[in-house]
């Protein structure tokens, strides 16, 4: 799972053009959205979601009531991707 978490961190950096950030500076447990952690917004979530669907072939249903929890942090996102494969 650590390898997938690192891949997801790099995917976030690349898809959002966060050049001044490296994967090792992102904690797998820090929030991705809100005022803490990376402080990403809903547009960022869409971009990350598209890239995850392309790279891992998983479908993300925006109507799923749990979708917000899947994107809580990198660790939750990795568990989601593994569970959808």
C-alpha atoms as a PDB file:
ATOM      1  CA  UNK A   1       0.000   0.000   0.000  1.00  0.00           C
ATOM      2  CA  UNK A   2       2.952   2.352   0.648  1.00  0.00           C
ATOM      3  CA  UNK A   3       3.916   2.226  -3.021  1.00  0.00           C
ATOM      4  CA  UNK A   4       0.367   3.099  -4.095  1.00  0.00           C
ATOM      5  CA  UNK A   5       0.268   5.970  -1.588  1.00  0.00           C
ATOM      6  CA  UNK A   6       3.502   7.351  -3.052  1.00  0.00           C
ATOM      7  CA  UNK A   7       2.073   7.013  -6.581  1.00  0.00           C
ATOM      8  CA  UNK A   8      -1.072   8.858  -5.522  1.00  0.00           C
ATOM      9  CA  UNK A   9       0.940  11.636  -3.910  1.00  0.00           C
ATOM     10  CA  UNK A  10       2.882  12.068  -7.152  1.00  0.00           C
ATOM     11  CA  UNK A  11      -0.350  11.952  -9.167  1.00  0.00           C
ATOM     12  CA  UNK A  12      -1.745  14.776  -7.011  1.00  0.00           C
ATOM     13  CA  UNK A  13       1.425  16.823  -7.454  1.00  0.00           C
ATOM     14  CA  UNK A  14       1.515  16.273 -11.216  1.00  0.00           C
ATOM     15  CA  UNK A  15      -2.191  16.752 -11.940  1.00  0.00           C
ATOM     16  CA  UNK A  16      -2.367  19.970  -9.893  1.00  0.00           C
ATOM     17  CA  UNK A  17       1.063  21.291 -10.970  1.00  0.00           C
ATOM     18  CA  UNK A  18       2.323  21.583  -7.391  1.00  0.00           C
ATOM     19  CA  UNK A  19       5.976  21.918  -8.447  1.00  0.00           C
ATOM     20  CA  UNK A  20       7.207  23.187  -5.084  1.00  0.00           C
ATOM     21  CA  UNK A  21       5.913  20.085  -3.288  1.00  0.00           C
ATOM     22  CA  UNK A  22       7.414  16.585  -3.220  1.00  0.00           C
ATOM     23  CA  UNK A  23       5.706  13.286  -2.434  1.00  0.00           C
ATOM     24  CA  UNK A  24       7.783  12.781   0.702  1.00  0.00           C
ATOM     25  CA  UNK A  25       6.466  16.084   2.100  1.00  0.00           C
ATOM     26  CA  UNK A  26       2.849  14.865   1.987  1.00  0.00           C
ATOM     27  CA  UNK A  27       1.701  12.787   4.939  1.00  0.00           C
ATOM     28  CA  UNK A  28      -0.637   9.949   4.013  1.00  0.00           C
ATOM     29  CA  UNK A  29      -2.908  10.924   6.900  1.00  0.00           C
ATOM     30  CA  UNK A  30      -3.067  14.696   6.409  1.00  0.00           C
ATOM     31  CA  UNK A  31      -6.350  16.088   5.061  1.00  0.00           C
ATOM     32  CA  UNK A  32      -6.429  16.837   1.355  1.00  0.00           C
ATOM     33  CA  UNK A  33      -9.265  19.370   1.601  1.00  0.00           C
ATOM     34  CA  UNK A  34     -10.297  22.132   3.958  1.00  0.00           C
ATOM     35  CA  UNK A  35      -8.119  24.605   5.792  1.00  0.00           C
ATOM     36  CA  UNK A  36      -5.626  21.986   7.012  1.00  0.00           C
ATOM     37  CA  UNK A  37      -3.246  19.741   5.092  1.00  0.00           C
ATOM     38  CA  UNK A  38      -3.022  20.458   1.385  1.00  0.00           C
ATOM     39  CA  UNK A  39      -6.125  22.711   1.476  1.00  0.00           C
ATOM     40  CA  UNK A  40      -7.360  21.573  -1.931  1.00  0.00           C
ATOM     41  CA  UNK A  41     -10.776  22.546  -3.298  1.00  0.00           C
ATOM     42  CA  UNK A  42     -13.574  20.851  -5.257  1.00  0.00           C
ATOM     43  CA  UNK A  43     -12.018  21.657  -8.652  1.00  0.00           C
ATOM     44  CA  UNK A  44      -8.831  19.964  -7.469  1.00  0.00           C
ATOM     45  CA  UNK A  45     -10.918  16.937  -6.441  1.00  0.00           C
ATOM     46  CA  UNK A  46     -12.372  16.704  -9.952  1.00  0.00           C
ATOM     47  CA  UNK A  47      -8.924  16.854 -11.535  1.00  0.00           C
ATOM     48  CA  UNK A  48      -7.540  14.227  -9.165  1.00  0.00           C
ATOM     49  CA  UNK A  49     -10.589  12.027  -9.749  1.00  0.00           C
ATOM     50  CA  UNK A  50     -10.158  12.173 -13.531  1.00  0.00           C
ATOM     51  CA  UNK A  51      -6.486  11.240 -13.260  1.00  0.00           C
ATOM     52  CA  UNK A  52      -7.237   8.336 -10.894  1.00  0.00           C
ATOM     53  CA  UNK A  53      -9.878   7.016 -13.286  1.00  0.00           C
ATOM     54  CA  UNK A  54      -7.423   7.222 -16.194  1.00  0.00           C
ATOM     55  CA  UNK A  55      -4.440   5.710 -14.387  1.00  0.00           C
ATOM     56  CA  UNK A  56      -6.136   2.978 -12.341  1.00  0.00           C
ATOM     57  CA  UNK A  57      -9.301   2.328 -14.360  1.00  0.00           C
ATOM     58  CA  UNK A  58     -11.599   2.797 -11.378  1.00  0.00           C
ATOM     59  CA  UNK A  59     -14.966   4.487 -11.627  1.00  0.00           C
ATOM     60  CA  UNK A  60     -15.752   7.243  -9.164  1.00  0.00           C
ATOM     61  CA  UNK A  61     -19.469   7.798  -8.772  1.00  0.00           C
ATOM     62  CA  UNK A  62     -20.102  11.411  -7.699  1.00  0.00           C
ATOM     63  CA  UNK A  63     -23.507  10.314  -6.359  1.00  0.00           C
ATOM     64  CA  UNK A  64     -21.872   7.885  -3.897  1.00  0.00           C
ATOM     65  CA  UNK A  65     -22.537   9.252  -0.416  1.00  0.00           C
ATOM     66  CA  UNK A  66     -19.070   8.053   0.684  1.00  0.00           C
ATOM     67  CA  UNK A  67     -17.083   9.776  -2.054  1.00  0.00           C
ATOM     68  CA  UNK A  68     -16.033  12.572   0.290  1.00  0.00           C
ATOM     69  CA  UNK A  69     -14.500  10.048   2.707  1.00  0.00           C
ATOM     70  CA  UNK A  70     -12.576   8.378  -0.155  1.00  0.00           C
ATOM     71  CA  UNK A  71     -10.800  11.696  -0.755  1.00  0.00           C
ATOM     72  CA  UNK A  72     -10.189  12.504   2.925  1.00  0.00           C
ATOM     73  CA  UNK A  73      -6.457  11.809   2.676  1.00  0.00           C
ATOM     74  CA  UNK A  74      -3.972   9.818   0.613  1.00  0.00           C
ATOM     75  CA  UNK A  75      -4.361   6.679   2.748  1.00  0.00           C
ATOM     76  CA  UNK A  76      -8.162   6.670   2.287  1.00  0.00           C
ATOM     77  CA  UNK A  77      -7.715   7.262  -1.431  1.00  0.00           C
ATOM     78  CA  UNK A  78      -5.320   4.303  -1.689  1.00  0.00           C
ATOM     79  CA  UNK A  79      -7.796   2.043   0.138  1.00  0.00           C
ATOM     80  CA  UNK A  80     -10.526   3.174  -2.252  1.00  0.00           C
ATOM     81  CA  UNK A  81      -8.397   2.434  -5.334  1.00  0.00           C
ATOM     82  CA  UNK A  82      -7.407  -1.015  -4.034  1.00  0.00           C
ATOM     83  CA  UNK A  83     -11.032  -1.798  -3.195  1.00  0.00           C
ATOM     84  CA  UNK A  84     -12.260  -0.806  -6.669  1.00  0.00           C
ATOM     85  CA  UNK A  85      -9.751  -2.856  -8.667  1.00  0.00           C
END
